[in-house]
């Protein structure tokens, strides 16, 4: 599994690639909205 990171508006977002599929970290996106309670955003 390959791991890449994007920096968007000062927030690091993890991207994962496995075979020909790509995945993005929803937790990292949620941290942008609320660092204390990421589960509320998702």
PDB file of N, CA and C in Angstrom:
ATOM      1  N   UNK A   1       0.857  -1.176   0.000  1.00  0.00           N
ATOM      2  CA  UNK A   1       0.000   0.000   0.000  1.00  0.00           C
ATOM      3  C   UNK A   1       0.899   1.234   0.000  1.00  0.00           C
ATOM      4  N   UNK A   2       0.675   2.120  -0.956  1.00  0.00           N
ATOM      5  CA  UNK A   2       1.430   3.362  -1.033  1.00  0.00           C
ATOM      6  C   UNK A   2       0.690   4.440  -0.257  1.00  0.00           C
ATOM      7  N   UNK A   3       1.457   5.300   0.398  1.00  0.00           N
ATOM      8  CA  UNK A   3       0.863   6.386   1.165  1.00  0.00           C
ATOM      9  C   UNK A   3       1.416   7.720   0.675  1.00  0.00           C
ATOM     10  N   UNK A   4       0.533   8.646   0.395  1.00  0.00           N
ATOM     11  CA  UNK A   4       0.908   9.991  -0.032  1.00  0.00           C
ATOM     12  C   UNK A   4       0.189  10.982   0.880  1.00  0.00           C
ATOM     13  N   UNK A   5       0.696  12.201   0.922  1.00  0.00           N
ATOM     14  CA  UNK A   5       0.042  13.243   1.715  1.00  0.00           C
ATOM     15  C   UNK A   5      -0.108  14.500   0.877  1.00  0.00           C
ATOM     16  N   UNK A   6      -1.252  15.133   1.029  1.00  0.00           N
ATOM     17  CA  UNK A   6      -1.519  16.430   0.412  1.00  0.00           C
ATOM     18  C   UNK A   6      -1.607  17.461   1.520  1.00  0.00           C
ATOM     19  N   UNK A   7      -1.183  18.661   1.238  1.00  0.00           N
ATOM     20  CA  UNK A   7      -1.331  19.746   2.196  1.00  0.00           C
ATOM     21  C   UNK A   7      -2.337  20.727   1.608  1.00  0.00           C
ATOM     22  N   UNK A   8      -3.515  20.767   2.225  1.00  0.00           N
ATOM     23  CA  UNK A   8      -4.597  21.616   1.743  1.00  0.00           C
ATOM     24  C   UNK A   8      -4.979  22.601   2.837  1.00  0.00           C
ATOM     25  N   UNK A   9      -4.796  23.880   2.561  1.00  0.00           N
ATOM     26  CA  UNK A   9      -5.095  24.942   3.524  1.00  0.00           C
ATOM     27  C   UNK A   9      -4.438  24.681   4.880  1.00  0.00           C
ATOM     28  N   UNK A  10      -3.204  24.178   4.871  1.00  0.00           N
ATOM     29  CA  UNK A  10      -2.459  23.940   6.098  1.00  0.00           C
ATOM     30  C   UNK A  10      -2.806  22.648   6.809  1.00  0.00           C
ATOM     31  N   UNK A  11      -3.670  21.819   6.221  1.00  0.00           N
ATOM     32  CA  UNK A  11      -4.059  20.544   6.827  1.00  0.00           C
ATOM     33  C   UNK A  11      -3.525  19.413   5.965  1.00  0.00           C
ATOM     34  N   UNK A  12      -2.816  18.449   6.606  1.00  0.00           N
ATOM     35  CA  UNK A  12      -2.286  17.309   5.882  1.00  0.00           C
ATOM     36  C   UNK A  12      -3.365  16.248   5.724  1.00  0.00           C
ATOM     37  N   UNK A  13      -3.613  15.819   4.497  1.00  0.00           N
ATOM     38  CA  UNK A  13      -4.611  14.802   4.190  1.00  0.00           C
ATOM     39  C   UNK A  13      -3.882  13.591   3.623  1.00  0.00           C
ATOM     40  N   UNK A  14      -4.095  12.427   4.217  1.00  0.00           N
ATOM     41  CA  UNK A  14      -3.430  11.202   3.774  1.00  0.00           C
ATOM     42  C   UNK A  14      -4.208  10.557   2.631  1.00  0.00           C
ATOM     43  N   UNK A  15      -3.472  10.105   1.628  1.00  0.00           N
ATOM     44  CA  UNK A  15      -4.031   9.353   0.513  1.00  0.00           C
ATOM     45  C   UNK A  15      -3.350   7.998   0.478  1.00  0.00           C
ATOM     46  N   UNK A  16      -4.109   6.962   0.248  1.00  0.00           N
ATOM     47  CA  UNK A  16      -3.576   5.613   0.182  1.00  0.00           C
ATOM     48  C   UNK A  16      -3.929   4.999  -1.162  1.00  0.00           C
ATOM     49  N   UNK A  17      -3.000   4.259  -1.729  1.00  0.00           N
ATOM     50  CA  UNK A  17      -3.247   3.546  -2.982  1.00  0.00           C
ATOM     51  C   UNK A  17      -2.939   2.075  -2.766  1.00  0.00           C
ATOM     52  N   UNK A  18      -3.884   1.225  -3.166  1.00  0.00           N
ATOM     53  CA  UNK A  18      -3.691  -0.220  -3.076  1.00  0.00           C
ATOM     54  C   UNK A  18      -4.192  -0.813  -4.375  1.00  0.00           C
ATOM     55  N   UNK A  19      -3.322  -1.536  -5.056  1.00  0.00           N
ATOM     56  CA  UNK A  19      -3.613  -2.048  -6.396  1.00  0.00           C
ATOM     57  C   UNK A  19      -3.988  -0.860  -7.279  1.00  0.00           C
ATOM     58  N   UNK A  20      -5.159  -0.822  -7.814  1.00  0.00           N
ATOM     59  CA  UNK A  20      -5.570   0.306  -8.651  1.00  0.00           C
ATOM     60  C   UNK A  20      -6.614   1.179  -7.967  1.00  0.00           C
ATOM     61  N   UNK A  21      -6.807   0.996  -6.672  1.00  0.00           N
ATOM     62  CA  UNK A  21      -7.801   1.762  -5.913  1.00  0.00           C
ATOM     63  C   UNK A  21      -7.124   2.838  -5.071  1.00  0.00           C
ATOM     64  N   UNK A  22      -7.787   3.984  -4.943  1.00  0.00           N
ATOM     65  CA  UNK A  22      -7.283   5.102  -4.144  1.00  0.00           C
ATOM     66  C   UNK A  22      -8.245   5.371  -2.993  1.00  0.00           C
ATOM     67  N   UNK A  23      -7.685   5.716  -1.843  1.00  0.00           N
ATOM     68  CA  UNK A  23      -8.470   5.995  -0.646  1.00  0.00           C
ATOM     69  C   UNK A  23      -7.992   7.310  -0.041  1.00  0.00           C
ATOM     70  N   UNK A  24      -8.911   8.055   0.566  1.00  0.00           N
ATOM     71  CA  UNK A  24      -8.581   9.318   1.220  1.00  0.00           C
ATOM     72  C   UNK A  24      -9.000   9.224   2.681  1.00  0.00           C
ATOM     73  N   UNK A  25      -8.228   9.802   3.569  1.00  0.00           N
ATOM     74  CA  UNK A  25      -8.511   9.738   4.996  1.00  0.00           C
ATOM     75  C   UNK A  25      -9.615  10.721   5.387  1.00  0.00           C
ATOM     76  N   UNK A  26     -10.782  10.190   5.713  1.00  0.00           N
ATOM     77  CA  UNK A  26     -11.881  11.041   6.174  1.00  0.00           C
ATOM     78  C   UNK A  26     -11.576  11.639   7.543  1.00  0.00           C
ATOM     79  N   UNK A  27     -10.808  10.933   8.354  1.00  0.00           N
ATOM     80  CA  UNK A  27     -10.437  11.448   9.674  1.00  0.00           C
ATOM     81  C   UNK A  27      -9.601  12.711   9.532  1.00  0.00           C
ATOM     82  N   UNK A  28      -8.670  12.714   8.584  1.00  0.00           N
ATOM     83  CA  UNK A  28      -7.852  13.912   8.366  1.00  0.00           C
ATOM     84  C   UNK A  28      -8.711  15.086   7.919  1.00  0.00           C
ATOM     85  N   UNK A  29      -9.707  14.821   7.085  1.00  0.00           N
ATOM     86  CA  UNK A  29     -10.614  15.887   6.643  1.00  0.00           C
ATOM     87  C   UNK A  29     -11.438  16.391   7.831  1.00  0.00           C
ATOM     88  N   UNK A  30     -11.898  15.483   8.682  1.00  0.00           N
ATOM     89  CA  UNK A  30     -12.695  15.866   9.849  1.00  0.00           C
ATOM     90  C   UNK A  30     -11.875  16.710  10.819  1.00  0.00           C
ATOM     91  N   UNK A  31     -10.564  16.456  10.918  1.00  0.00           N
ATOM     92  CA  UNK A  31      -9.698  17.240  11.805  1.00  0.00           C
ATOM     93  C   UNK A  31      -9.676  18.712  11.394  1.00  0.00           C
ATOM     94  N   UNK A  32      -9.865  18.983  10.120  1.00  0.00           N
ATOM     95  CA  UNK A  32      -9.896  20.361   9.641  1.00  0.00           C
ATOM     96  C   UNK A  32     -11.094  21.112  10.241  1.00  0.00           C
ATOM     97  N   UNK A  33     -12.230  20.425  10.363  1.00  0.00           N
ATOM     98  CA  UNK A  33     -13.442  21.045  10.893  1.00  0.00           C
ATOM     99  C   UNK A  33     -13.445  21.121  12.418  1.00  0.00           C
ATOM    100  N   UNK A  34     -13.011  20.038  13.089  1.00  0.00           N
ATOM    101  CA  UNK A  34     -13.057  19.991  14.548  1.00  0.00           C
ATOM    102  C   UNK A  34     -11.988  19.034  15.050  1.00  0.00           C
ATOM    103  N   UNK A  35     -10.864  19.572  15.516  1.00  0.00           N
ATOM    104  CA  UNK A  35      -9.742  18.730  15.957  1.00  0.00           C
ATOM    105  C   UNK A  35     -10.062  17.929  17.211  1.00  0.00           C
ATOM    106  N   UNK A  36     -10.998  18.394  18.011  1.00  0.00           N
ATOM    107  CA  UNK A  36     -11.317  17.728  19.286  1.00  0.00           C
ATOM    108  C   UNK A  36     -12.307  16.574  19.107  1.00  0.00           C
ATOM    109  N   UNK A  37     -13.249  16.700  18.194  1.00  0.00           N
ATOM    110  CA  UNK A  37     -14.308  15.682  18.046  1.00  0.00           C
ATOM    111  C   UNK A  37     -14.480  15.325  16.577  1.00  0.00           C
ATOM    112  N   UNK A  38     -13.508  14.594  16.032  1.00  0.00           N
ATOM    113  CA  UNK A  38     -13.550  14.255  14.608  1.00  0.00           C
ATOM    114  C   UNK A  38     -14.725  13.344  14.261  1.00  0.00           C
ATOM    115  N   UNK A  39     -15.229  12.577  15.198  1.00  0.00           N
ATOM    116  CA  UNK A  39     -16.342  11.665  14.940  1.00  0.00           C
ATOM    117  C   UNK A  39     -17.644  12.370  14.675  1.00  0.00           C
ATOM    118  N   UNK A  40     -17.786  13.620  15.115  1.00  0.00           N
ATOM    119  CA  UNK A  40     -19.021  14.356  14.886  1.00  0.00           C
ATOM    120  C   UNK A  40     -19.185  14.790  13.439  1.00  0.00           C
ATOM    121  N   UNK A  41     -18.073  14.993  12.752  1.00  0.00           N
ATOM    122  CA  UNK A  41     -18.105  15.454  11.368  1.00  0.00           C
ATOM    123  C   UNK A  41     -18.445  14.307  10.416  1.00  0.00           C
ATOM    124  N   UNK A  42     -17.921  13.151  10.719  1.00  0.00           N
ATOM    125  CA  UNK A  42     -18.104  11.988   9.830  1.00  0.00           C
ATOM    126  C   UNK A  42     -19.424  11.414  10.044  1.00  0.00           C
TER     127      UNK A  42
END
